[in-house]
Amino acid sequence: MAARILTQHLSSMPDVTVARVALGLTVYVDDPLTWAREAAAAVLSSFLARAPEGEVVWYTTSLLSDWQRVGHASAGKLVDGLSQWQLVKPRHLLWARVVDDTGAPSVGFSYREVDSERAGRAGFVQLVLPQQHDAAVLLDLALEIGESWPVLCAVGGHLATWNEYEKPTAFWHIYEWCRRYLGLDAQDPDAASAHVSHGLPGTSWLTFVGDGMADALEVDTSALEKHAWKTDVSVSRLARGILLRAGDAPDLGDRNRLAYPAPYAEVARRLAPYILAEPPEYFGGFAEHRATKRWMHRFLQPSEWT
């Protein structure tokens, strides 16, 4: 059965999307200078080659005052703008975005560059594809990144995207969706980037643990590879870390249909010691009910979330 499409618009401005469900991969990066010089540009190029043709129409960076139409700059120029081989340090807090919707995108590339020597946080890249898109494309992107570039960790599957300008409203809707859909991931990468050195910002259909994080948190990746999984979980050893896949395809885990994403739960429980013990509080209903930790640990302590 096809996953249900969830989109929420402002009642006063129906053309403004505040939140939607898509397929997404959120990657928290390691070795920020490598990302600044080449990795971000390479990932953008790979993403644009796989994104639905003609859907990416807007781009902006933290150096621009507004959104620009992609038609004003070729995809090649966007990639070239991120590739800076001559850099000696990252462009601290640079933010580059390429999207189909300047509110809550269903297709998008978002990259935050951080100089870790100036701030105790990580940079990130987030890739978004339409909810009904072939999830194998998301998997291919995750495999490519895990084989090629330094990564702390990554989480991918059904992802709630949200409007930066309507963040509190968006997270009220996301909170309600998460109450129903156990397989839905929600990420606030800017907030989580200050915490990922201490643990995973959740788990999902795809959960990647980079070698650097595995060493820092003492994750026994060999044991994960050898583990006798009881559900449909596969483990892949990649050049830069280990990728766990919970099932053949993403699963929203719709509680109203009595659908329980058992592989998601098994992965979460196996990785429980490495999931953030005190995640940053999300906006909206999460903050109102002090529920972010209970949501992130929903498979570890189900009664606390249900």
C-alpha atoms as a PDB file:
ATOM      1  CA  MET A   1       0.000   0.000   0.000  1.00  0.00           C
ATOM      2  CA  ALA A   2       1.372   3.430  -0.898  1.00  0.00           C
ATOM      3  CA  ALA A   3       2.322   5.621   2.023  1.00  0.00           C
ATOM      4  CA  ARG A   4      -0.078   8.430   2.818  1.00  0.00           C
ATOM      5  CA  ILE A   5       1.046  11.891   1.684  1.00  0.00           C
ATOM      6  CA  LEU A   6       0.964  14.411   4.525  1.00  0.00           C
ATOM      7  CA  THR A   7       1.148  18.147   3.857  1.00  0.00           C
ATOM      8  CA  GLN A   8       0.067  21.080   6.002  1.00  0.00           C
ATOM      9  CA  HIS A   9      -0.535  24.633   4.747  1.00  0.00           C
ATOM     10  CA  LEU A  10      -1.192  27.898   6.589  1.00  0.00           C
ATOM     11  CA  SER A  11      -4.945  28.405   6.816  1.00  0.00           C
ATOM     12  CA  SER A  12      -4.538  32.133   6.140  1.00  0.00           C
ATOM     13  CA  MET A  13      -2.127  31.576   3.228  1.00  0.00           C
ATOM     14  CA  PRO A  14      -2.952  28.245   1.568  1.00  0.00           C
ATOM     15  CA  ASP A  15      -0.037  28.571  -0.861  1.00  0.00           C
ATOM     16  CA  VAL A  16       2.455  28.482   2.047  1.00  0.00           C
ATOM     17  CA  THR A  17       3.445  24.986   3.132  1.00  0.00           C
ATOM     18  CA  VAL A  18       4.509  24.760   6.768  1.00  0.00           C
ATOM     19  CA  ALA A  19       5.233  21.018   6.983  1.00  0.00           C
ATOM     20  CA  ARG A  20       5.132  17.905   4.851  1.00  0.00           C
ATOM     21  CA  VAL A  21       6.336  14.307   4.838  1.00  0.00           C
ATOM     22  CA  ALA A  22       8.976  13.339   2.295  1.00  0.00           C
ATOM     23  CA  LEU A  23      11.860  10.913   1.979  1.00  0.00           C
ATOM     24  CA  GLY A  24      14.970  12.357   3.539  1.00  0.00           C
ATOM     25  CA  LEU A  25      18.543  11.655   4.560  1.00  0.00           C
ATOM     26  CA  THR A  26      20.127  13.845   7.245  1.00  0.00           C
ATOM     27  CA  VAL A  27      23.913  13.531   7.398  1.00  0.00           C
ATOM     28  CA  TYR A  28      26.019  15.016  10.195  1.00  0.00           C
ATOM     29  CA  VAL A  29      29.473  15.473   8.743  1.00  0.00           C
ATOM     30  CA  ASP A  30      32.980  14.821   9.992  1.00  0.00           C
ATOM     31  CA  ASP A  31      36.204  16.499   8.775  1.00  0.00           C
ATOM     32  CA  PRO A  32      34.506  19.784   7.786  1.00  0.00           C
ATOM     33  CA  LEU A  33      37.375  20.985   5.595  1.00  0.00           C
ATOM     34  CA  THR A  34      36.965  17.984   3.280  1.00  0.00           C
ATOM     35  CA  TRP A  35      33.284  18.835   2.976  1.00  0.00           C
ATOM     36  CA  ALA A  36      34.073  22.480   2.320  1.00  0.00           C
ATOM     37  CA  ARG A  37      36.614  21.698  -0.377  1.00  0.00           C
ATOM     38  CA  GLU A  38      34.924  18.895  -2.285  1.00  0.00           C
ATOM     39  CA  ALA A  39      32.401  16.651  -0.519  1.00  0.00           C
ATOM     40  CA  ALA A  40      29.467  19.095  -0.403  1.00  0.00           C
ATOM     41  CA  ALA A  41      29.791  19.852  -4.113  1.00  0.00           C
ATOM     42  CA  ALA A  42      30.087  16.161  -4.996  1.00  0.00           C
ATOM     43  CA  VAL A  43      26.974  15.273  -2.975  1.00  0.00           C
ATOM     44  CA  LEU A  44      25.014  18.146  -4.529  1.00  0.00           C
ATOM     45  CA  SER A  45      26.018  16.926  -7.983  1.00  0.00           C
ATOM     46  CA  SER A  46      24.904  13.370  -7.170  1.00  0.00           C
ATOM     47  CA  PHE A  47      21.647  14.616  -5.705  1.00  0.00           C
ATOM     48  CA  LEU A  48      20.794  16.820  -8.695  1.00  0.00           C
ATOM     49  CA  ALA A  49      21.485  13.892 -11.033  1.00  0.00           C
ATOM     50  CA  ARG A  50      18.918  11.789  -9.142  1.00  0.00           C
ATOM     51  CA  ALA A  51      16.282  14.381  -8.221  1.00  0.00           C
ATOM     52  CA  PRO A  52      13.070  14.526 -10.275  1.00  0.00           C
ATOM     53  CA  GLU A  53      13.788  16.487 -13.435  1.00  0.00           C
ATOM     54  CA  GLY A  54      12.561  20.063 -13.385  1.00  0.00           C
ATOM     55  CA  GLU A  55      11.458  19.989  -9.752  1.00  0.00           C
ATOM     56  CA  VAL A  56      14.364  21.929  -8.217  1.00  0.00           C
ATOM     57  CA  VAL A  57      13.585  25.566  -8.992  1.00  0.00           C
ATOM     58  CA  TRP A  58      14.943  27.715  -6.149  1.00  0.00           C
ATOM     59  CA  TYR A  59      18.321  28.227  -4.530  1.00  0.00           C
ATOM     60  CA  THR A  60      19.814  30.499  -1.893  1.00  0.00           C
ATOM     61  CA  THR A  61      22.824  30.754   0.388  1.00  0.00           C
ATOM     62  CA  SER A  62      23.551  32.667   3.569  1.00  0.00           C
ATOM     63  CA  LEU A  63      25.408  35.150   1.335  1.00  0.00           C
ATOM     64  CA  LEU A  64      22.228  36.049  -0.585  1.00  0.00           C
ATOM     65  CA  SER A  65      19.364  38.208   0.643  1.00  0.00           C
ATOM     66  CA  ASP A  66      16.597  36.189  -1.058  1.00  0.00           C
ATOM     67  CA  TRP A  67      15.777  33.087  -3.060  1.00  0.00           C
ATOM     68  CA  GLN A  68      16.894  32.950  -6.695  1.00  0.00           C
ATOM     69  CA  ARG A  69      15.485  30.844  -9.515  1.00  0.00           C
ATOM     70  CA  VAL A  70      17.719  27.966 -10.511  1.00  0.00           C
ATOM     71  CA  GLY A  71      17.139  28.990 -14.128  1.00  0.00           C
ATOM     72  CA  HIS A  72      19.384  31.969 -13.452  1.00  0.00           C
ATOM     73  CA  ALA A  73      22.281  29.669 -12.656  1.00  0.00           C
ATOM     74  CA  SER A  74      22.926  26.257 -14.163  1.00  0.00           C
ATOM     75  CA  ALA A  75      23.210  23.227 -11.923  1.00  0.00           C
ATOM     76  CA  GLY A  76      26.880  23.117 -12.816  1.00  0.00           C
ATOM     77  CA  LYS A  77      27.388  26.635 -11.485  1.00  0.00           C
ATOM     78  CA  LEU A  78      25.631  25.727  -8.238  1.00  0.00           C
ATOM     79  CA  VAL A  79      27.990  22.785  -7.806  1.00  0.00           C
ATOM     80  CA  ASP A  80      31.030  24.869  -8.700  1.00  0.00           C
ATOM     81  CA  GLY A  81      30.012  27.460  -6.133  1.00  0.00           C
ATOM     82  CA  LEU A  82      30.292  24.913  -3.337  1.00  0.00           C
ATOM     83  CA  SER A  83      33.582  23.401  -4.508  1.00  0.00           C
ATOM     84  CA  GLN A  84      36.484  25.432  -3.082  1.00  0.00           C
ATOM     85  CA  TRP A  85      39.702  23.442  -3.256  1.00  0.00           C
ATOM     86  CA  GLN A  86      41.829  26.406  -2.156  1.00  0.00           C
ATOM     87  CA  LEU A  87      40.137  26.788   1.246  1.00  0.00           C
ATOM     88  CA  VAL A  88      42.362  26.486   4.318  1.00  0.00           C
ATOM     89  CA  LYS A  89      39.418  26.475   6.734  1.00  0.00           C
ATOM     90  CA  PRO A  90      35.654  25.957   6.430  1.00  0.00           C
ATOM     91  CA  ARG A  91      33.329  28.871   5.643  1.00  0.00           C
ATOM     92  CA  HIS A  92      31.857  29.014   9.127  1.00  0.00           C
ATOM     93  CA  LEU A  93      28.031  28.841   9.158  1.00  0.00           C
ATOM     94  CA  LEU A  94      27.672  29.025   5.387  1.00  0.00           C
ATOM     95  CA  TRP A  95      24.237  27.674   4.457  1.00  0.00           C
ATOM     96  CA  ALA A  96      23.321  26.618   0.916  1.00  0.00           C
ATOM     97  CA  ARG A  97      19.875  25.354  -0.131  1.00  0.00           C
ATOM     98  CA  VAL A  98      18.398  24.118  -3.411  1.00  0.00           C
ATOM     99  CA  VAL A  99      14.673  23.266  -3.236  1.00  0.00           C
ATOM    100  CA  ASP A 100      11.349  22.910  -5.016  1.00  0.00           C
ATOM    101  CA  ASP A 101       9.438  24.801  -2.293  1.00  0.00           C
ATOM    102  CA  THR A 102      10.857  27.637  -0.198  1.00  0.00           C
ATOM    103  CA  GLY A 103       8.548  26.575   2.610  1.00  0.00           C
ATOM    104  CA  ALA A 104       8.652  22.867   3.428  1.00  0.00           C
ATOM    105  CA  PRO A 105      10.382  21.172   0.475  1.00  0.00           C
ATOM    106  CA  SER A 106       9.566  17.814  -1.055  1.00  0.00           C
ATOM    107  CA  VAL A 107      12.781  17.992  -3.086  1.00  0.00           C
ATOM    108  CA  GLY A 108      15.786  19.649  -1.580  1.00  0.00           C
ATOM    109  CA  PHE A 109      19.469  19.870  -0.752  1.00  0.00           C
ATOM    110  CA  SER A 110      20.483  21.761   2.389  1.00  0.00           C
ATOM    111  CA  TYR A 111      24.092  22.138   3.511  1.00  0.00           C
ATOM    112  CA  ARG A 112      25.431  23.838   6.623  1.00  0.00           C
ATOM    113  CA  GLU A 113      29.178  24.331   6.823  1.00  0.00           C
ATOM    114  CA  VAL A 114      30.780  24.644  10.247  1.00  0.00           C
ATOM    115  CA  ASP A 115      34.321  25.338  11.373  1.00  0.00           C
ATOM    116  CA  SER A 116      34.501  22.885  14.270  1.00  0.00           C
ATOM    117  CA  GLU A 117      37.511  24.752  15.697  1.00  0.00           C
ATOM    118  CA  ARG A 118      35.277  27.793  16.233  1.00  0.00           C
ATOM    119  CA  ALA A 119      32.171  26.003  17.456  1.00  0.00           C
ATOM    120  CA  GLY A 120      31.540  22.747  19.247  1.00  0.00           C
ATOM    121  CA  ARG A 121      29.146  21.452  16.655  1.00  0.00           C
ATOM    122  CA  ALA A 122      29.045  19.578  13.357  1.00  0.00           C
ATOM    123  CA  GLY A 123      28.001  20.630   9.903  1.00  0.00           C
ATOM    124  CA  PHE A 124      25.254  18.759   8.099  1.00  0.00           C
ATOM    125  CA  VAL A 125      23.749  18.006   4.725  1.00  0.00           C
ATOM    126  CA  GLN A 126      20.103  17.057   4.258  1.00  0.00           C
ATOM    127  CA  LEU A 127      18.735  15.484   1.083  1.00  0.00           C
ATOM    128  CA  VAL A 128      14.983  15.388   0.427  1.00  0.00           C
ATOM    129  CA  LEU A 129      12.979  13.515  -2.219  1.00  0.00           C
ATOM    130  CA  PRO A 130       9.199  13.223  -2.722  1.00  0.00           C
ATOM    131  CA  GLN A 131       7.466  10.760  -0.428  1.00  0.00           C
ATOM    132  CA  GLN A 132       6.354   8.593  -3.364  1.00  0.00           C
ATOM    133  CA  HIS A 133       9.808   8.620  -4.983  1.00  0.00           C
ATOM    134  CA  ASP A 134      11.736   5.363  -5.342  1.00  0.00           C
ATOM    135  CA  ALA A 135      13.346   4.850  -1.928  1.00  0.00           C
ATOM    136  CA  ALA A 136      16.196   2.968  -3.598  1.00  0.00           C
ATOM    137  CA  VAL A 137      17.483   6.369  -4.751  1.00  0.00           C
ATOM    138  CA  LEU A 138      17.772   7.486  -1.129  1.00  0.00           C
ATOM    139  CA  LEU A 139      19.594   4.263  -0.310  1.00  0.00           C
ATOM    140  CA  ASP A 140      21.985   4.788  -3.229  1.00  0.00           C
ATOM    141  CA  LEU A 141      22.811   8.287  -1.975  1.00  0.00           C
ATOM    142  CA  ALA A 142      23.428   6.979   1.540  1.00  0.00           C
ATOM    143  CA  LEU A 143      25.708   4.225   0.234  1.00  0.00           C
ATOM    144  CA  GLU A 144      27.633   6.667  -1.943  1.00  0.00           C
ATOM    145  CA  ILE A 145      28.171   9.084   0.941  1.00  0.00           C
ATOM    146  CA  GLY A 146      29.114   6.289   3.335  1.00  0.00           C
ATOM    147  CA  GLU A 147      31.669   4.945   0.895  1.00  0.00           C
ATOM    148  CA  SER A 148      33.169   8.269  -0.106  1.00  0.00           C
ATOM    149  CA  TRP A 149      33.046  10.944   2.588  1.00  0.00           C
ATOM    150  CA  PRO A 150      33.724  11.402   6.321  1.00  0.00           C
ATOM    151  CA  VAL A 151      30.474  11.265   8.296  1.00  0.00           C
ATOM    152  CA  LEU A 152      29.677  11.207  12.007  1.00  0.00           C
ATOM    153  CA  CYS A 153      26.229   9.687  11.540  1.00  0.00           C
ATOM    154  CA  ALA A 154      23.175   9.792   9.293  1.00  0.00           C
ATOM    155  CA  VAL A 155      19.468   9.006   9.548  1.00  0.00           C
ATOM    156  CA  GLY A 156      17.218   8.378   6.542  1.00  0.00           C
ATOM    157  CA  GLY A 157      13.664   7.358   5.704  1.00  0.00           C
ATOM    158  CA  HIS A 158      10.319   9.115   5.969  1.00  0.00           C
ATOM    159  CA  LEU A 159      11.202  12.623   7.129  1.00  0.00           C
ATOM    160  CA  ALA A 160       9.117  15.594   8.193  1.00  0.00           C
ATOM    161  CA  THR A 161      10.305  18.747   6.424  1.00  0.00           C
ATOM    162  CA  TRP A 162       9.308  22.147   7.738  1.00  0.00           C
ATOM    163  CA  ASN A 163       9.172  25.822   6.952  1.00  0.00           C
ATOM    164  CA  GLU A 164      11.964  27.851   8.575  1.00  0.00           C
ATOM    165  CA  TYR A 165       9.685  30.890   8.769  1.00  0.00           C
ATOM    166  CA  GLU A 166       6.827  28.991  10.430  1.00  0.00           C
ATOM    167  CA  LYS A 167       8.818  26.659  12.648  1.00  0.00           C
ATOM    168  CA  PRO A 168       6.611  26.639  15.800  1.00  0.00           C
ATOM    169  CA  THR A 169       3.466  26.019  13.742  1.00  0.00           C
ATOM    170  CA  ALA A 170       5.212  23.352  11.678  1.00  0.00           C
ATOM    171  CA  PHE A 171       6.339  21.423  14.721  1.00  0.00           C
ATOM    172  CA  TRP A 172       2.838  21.329  16.175  1.00  0.00           C
ATOM    173  CA  HIS A 173       1.727  19.450  13.062  1.00  0.00           C
ATOM    174  CA  ILE A 174       4.851  17.274  13.074  1.00  0.00           C
ATOM    175  CA  TYR A 175       4.199  16.389  16.707  1.00  0.00           C
ATOM    176  CA  GLU A 176       0.694  15.196  15.846  1.00  0.00           C
ATOM    177  CA  TRP A 177       1.992  13.197  12.885  1.00  0.00           C
ATOM    178  CA  CYS A 178       4.658  11.559  15.047  1.00  0.00           C
ATOM    179  CA  ARG A 179       2.014  10.529  17.565  1.00  0.00           C
ATOM    180  CA  ARG A 180       0.353   8.496  14.814  1.00  0.00           C
ATOM    181  CA  TYR A 181       3.283   7.444  12.607  1.00  0.00           C
ATOM    182  CA  LEU A 182       5.989   5.669  14.578  1.00  0.00           C
ATOM    183  CA  GLY A 183       8.246   5.382  11.527  1.00  0.00           C
ATOM    184  CA  LEU A 184       8.320   9.109  10.808  1.00  0.00           C
ATOM    185  CA  ASP A 185      11.619  10.867  11.503  1.00  0.00           C
ATOM    186  CA  ALA A 186      11.906  14.507  12.545  1.00  0.00           C
ATOM    187  CA  GLN A 187      15.221  16.305  12.541  1.00  0.00           C
ATOM    188  CA  ASP A 188      16.261  19.810  13.571  1.00  0.00           C
ATOM    189  CA  PRO A 189      19.815  19.608  12.221  1.00  0.00           C
ATOM    190  CA  ASP A 190      21.029  23.013  13.388  1.00  0.00           C
ATOM    191  CA  ALA A 191      20.016  22.187  16.953  1.00  0.00           C
ATOM    192  CA  ALA A 192      21.168  18.558  16.843  1.00  0.00           C
ATOM    193  CA  SER A 193      24.542  19.462  15.355  1.00  0.00           C
ATOM    194  CA  ALA A 194      25.701  20.684  18.773  1.00  0.00           C
ATOM    195  CA  HIS A 195      24.863  17.315  20.324  1.00  0.00           C
ATOM    196  CA  VAL A 196      25.743  14.598  17.816  1.00  0.00           C
ATOM    197  CA  SER A 197      29.239  14.153  19.232  1.00  0.00           C
ATOM    198  CA  HIS A 198      27.449  12.632  22.248  1.00  0.00           C
ATOM    199  CA  GLY A 199      25.086  10.299  20.433  1.00  0.00           C
ATOM    200  CA  LEU A 200      22.786   9.498  17.537  1.00  0.00           C
ATOM    201  CA  PRO A 201      19.918  11.961  16.872  1.00  0.00           C
ATOM    202  CA  GLY A 202      17.557   9.034  16.397  1.00  0.00           C
ATOM    203  CA  THR A 203      17.254   5.986  14.156  1.00  0.00           C
ATOM    204  CA  SER A 204      15.096   5.233  11.112  1.00  0.00           C
ATOM    205  CA  TRP A 205      14.931   3.086   7.990  1.00  0.00           C
ATOM    206  CA  LEU A 206      18.590   3.927   7.355  1.00  0.00           C
ATOM    207  CA  THR A 207      20.953   4.540  10.256  1.00  0.00           C
ATOM    208  CA  PHE A 208      24.622   5.174   9.549  1.00  0.00           C
ATOM    209  CA  VAL A 209      27.331   5.229  12.206  1.00  0.00           C
ATOM    210  CA  GLY A 210      30.620   6.658  10.982  1.00  0.00           C
ATOM    211  CA  ASP A 211      33.901   5.158  12.085  1.00  0.00           C
ATOM    212  CA  GLY A 212      34.859   8.281  14.035  1.00  0.00           C
ATOM    213  CA  MET A 213      31.630   8.228  16.034  1.00  0.00           C
ATOM    214  CA  ALA A 214      31.904   4.478  16.520  1.00  0.00           C
ATOM    215  CA  ASP A 215      35.353   4.956  18.060  1.00  0.00           C
ATOM    216  CA  ALA A 216      34.279   7.874  20.237  1.00  0.00           C
ATOM    217  CA  LEU A 217      31.150   6.118  21.566  1.00  0.00           C
ATOM    218  CA  GLU A 218      32.779   2.661  21.652  1.00  0.00           C
ATOM    219  CA  VAL A 219      30.246   1.145  19.279  1.00  0.00           C
ATOM    220  CA  ASP A 220      31.148  -2.479  18.523  1.00  0.00           C
ATOM    221  CA  THR A 221      30.430  -2.425  14.796  1.00  0.00           C
ATOM    222  CA  SER A 222      31.725  -5.981  14.347  1.00  0.00           C
ATOM    223  CA  ALA A 223      29.076  -7.180  16.778  1.00  0.00           C
ATOM    224  CA  LEU A 224      26.410  -5.324  14.798  1.00  0.00           C
ATOM    225  CA  GLU A 225      27.562  -7.057  11.608  1.00  0.00           C
ATOM    226  CA  LYS A 226      27.466 -10.482  13.262  1.00  0.00           C
ATOM    227  CA  HIS A 227      24.261  -9.929  15.208  1.00  0.00           C
ATOM    228  CA  ALA A 228      21.451 -12.436  14.558  1.00  0.00           C
ATOM    229  CA  TRP A 229      18.646  -9.998  13.759  1.00  0.00           C
ATOM    230  CA  LYS A 230      15.127 -11.266  14.428  1.00  0.00           C
ATOM    231  CA  THR A 231      13.492  -8.960  11.869  1.00  0.00           C
ATOM    232  CA  ASP A 232      14.380  -7.814   8.356  1.00  0.00           C
ATOM    233  CA  VAL A 233      17.482  -5.791   9.235  1.00  0.00           C
ATOM    234  CA  SER A 234      20.562  -5.720   7.020  1.00  0.00           C
ATOM    235  CA  VAL A 235      23.987  -4.362   7.931  1.00  0.00           C
ATOM    236  CA  SER A 236      26.510  -3.088   5.394  1.00  0.00           C
ATOM    237  CA  ARG A 237      30.150  -2.346   6.147  1.00  0.00           C
ATOM    238  CA  LEU A 238      31.109   0.726   4.102  1.00  0.00           C
ATOM    239  CA  ALA A 239      34.448   2.481   3.702  1.00  0.00           C
ATOM    240  CA  ARG A 240      33.494   5.228   6.181  1.00  0.00           C
ATOM    241  CA  GLY A 241      31.284   3.369   8.630  1.00  0.00           C
ATOM    242  CA  ILE A 242      28.415   0.947   9.028  1.00  0.00           C
ATOM    243  CA  LEU A 243      24.901   1.245   7.587  1.00  0.00           C
ATOM    244  CA  LEU A 244      21.868  -0.446   9.150  1.00  0.00           C
ATOM    245  CA  ARG A 245      18.749  -0.794   7.006  1.00  0.00           C
ATOM    246  CA  ALA A 246      15.463  -1.632   8.757  1.00  0.00           C
ATOM    247  CA  GLY A 247      13.470  -3.436   6.093  1.00  0.00           C
ATOM    248  CA  ASP A 248      13.433  -3.313   2.312  1.00  0.00           C
ATOM    249  CA  ALA A 249      11.557  -0.009   2.188  1.00  0.00           C
ATOM    250  CA  PRO A 250      10.665   2.859   4.544  1.00  0.00           C
ATOM    251  CA  ASP A 251       7.664   2.241   6.783  1.00  0.00           C
ATOM    252  CA  LEU A 252       5.584   5.033   8.315  1.00  0.00           C
ATOM    253  CA  GLY A 253       4.296   2.666  10.993  1.00  0.00           C
ATOM    254  CA  ASP A 254       0.700   3.936  11.001  1.00  0.00           C
ATOM    255  CA  ARG A 255      -0.739   3.154  14.430  1.00  0.00           C
ATOM    256  CA  ASN A 256      -4.274   3.771  13.170  1.00  0.00           C
ATOM    257  CA  ARG A 257      -3.786   0.808  10.833  1.00  0.00           C
ATOM    258  CA  LEU A 258      -2.119  -1.267  13.588  1.00  0.00           C
ATOM    259  CA  ALA A 259       1.123  -1.194  11.607  1.00  0.00           C
ATOM    260  CA  TYR A 260       4.214  -1.567  13.757  1.00  0.00           C
ATOM    261  CA  PRO A 261       7.677  -1.102  12.172  1.00  0.00           C
ATOM    262  CA  ALA A 262       9.340  -3.992  13.982  1.00  0.00           C
ATOM    263  CA  PRO A 263      12.711  -3.675  12.158  1.00  0.00           C
ATOM    264  CA  TYR A 264      12.884  -0.006  13.182  1.00  0.00           C
ATOM    265  CA  ALA A 265      12.274  -1.002  16.789  1.00  0.00           C
ATOM    266  CA  GLU A 266      14.943  -3.690  16.707  1.00  0.00           C
ATOM    267  CA  VAL A 267      17.546  -1.304  15.309  1.00  0.00           C
ATOM    268  CA  ALA A 268      16.639   1.341  17.900  1.00  0.00           C
ATOM    269  CA  ARG A 269      16.899  -1.126  20.753  1.00  0.00           C
ATOM    270  CA  ARG A 270      20.215  -2.476  19.547  1.00  0.00           C
ATOM    271  CA  LEU A 271      21.610   1.060  19.246  1.00  0.00           C
ATOM    272  CA  ALA A 272      19.940   2.273  22.455  1.00  0.00           C
ATOM    273  CA  PRO A 273      23.198   2.984  24.353  1.00  0.00           C
ATOM    274  CA  TYR A 274      24.284   5.361  21.588  1.00  0.00           C
ATOM    275  CA  ILE A 275      21.075   7.383  21.052  1.00  0.00           C
ATOM    276  CA  LEU A 276      21.160  10.870  22.564  1.00  0.00           C
ATOM    277  CA  ALA A 277      20.123  10.639  26.207  1.00  0.00           C
ATOM    278  CA  GLU A 278      19.170  14.333  26.350  1.00  0.00           C
ATOM    279  CA  PRO A 279      18.305  15.614  22.856  1.00  0.00           C
ATOM    280  CA  PRO A 280      17.593  19.304  22.268  1.00  0.00           C
ATOM    281  CA  GLU A 281      13.908  20.115  22.684  1.00  0.00           C
ATOM    282  CA  TYR A 282      11.989  20.543  19.435  1.00  0.00           C
ATOM    283  CA  PHE A 283       9.447  23.322  18.904  1.00  0.00           C
ATOM    284  CA  GLY A 284       5.645  23.092  18.965  1.00  0.00           C
ATOM    285  CA  GLY A 285       3.981  20.194  20.697  1.00  0.00           C
ATOM    286  CA  PHE A 286       7.316  18.637  21.549  1.00  0.00           C
ATOM    287  CA  ALA A 287       8.298  21.656  23.653  1.00  0.00           C
ATOM    288  CA  GLU A 288       4.805  22.108  25.069  1.00  0.00           C
ATOM    289  CA  HIS A 289       4.754  18.537  26.389  1.00  0.00           C
ATOM    290  CA  ARG A 290       8.515  18.198  26.967  1.00  0.00           C
ATOM    291  CA  ALA A 291       8.232  15.216  24.645  1.00  0.00           C
ATOM    292  CA  THR A 292      11.318  15.245  22.389  1.00  0.00           C
ATOM    293  CA  LYS A 293      13.228  12.718  24.480  1.00  0.00           C
ATOM    294  CA  ARG A 294      10.162  10.476  24.817  1.00  0.00           C
ATOM    295  CA  TRP A 295       9.647  10.614  21.043  1.00  0.00           C
ATOM    296  CA  MET A 296      13.305   9.884  20.234  1.00  0.00           C
ATOM    297  CA  HIS A 297      13.193   6.932  22.661  1.00  0.00           C
ATOM    298  CA  ARG A 298       9.742   5.761  21.532  1.00  0.00           C
ATOM    299  CA  PHE A 299      10.977   2.289  20.607  1.00  0.00           C
ATOM    300  CA  LEU A 300      13.002   1.966  23.803  1.00  0.00           C
ATOM    301  CA  GLN A 301      10.244   3.011  26.201  1.00  0.00           C
ATOM    302  CA  PRO A 302       6.978   2.671  24.224  1.00  0.00           C
ATOM    303  CA  SER A 303       4.704   3.352  27.174  1.00  0.00           C
ATOM    304  CA  GLU A 304       6.259   6.786  27.643  1.00  0.00           C
ATOM    305  CA  TRP A 305       5.235   7.796  24.104  1.00  0.00           C
ATOM    306  CA  THR A 306       1.901   6.058  23.695  1.00  0.00           C
END
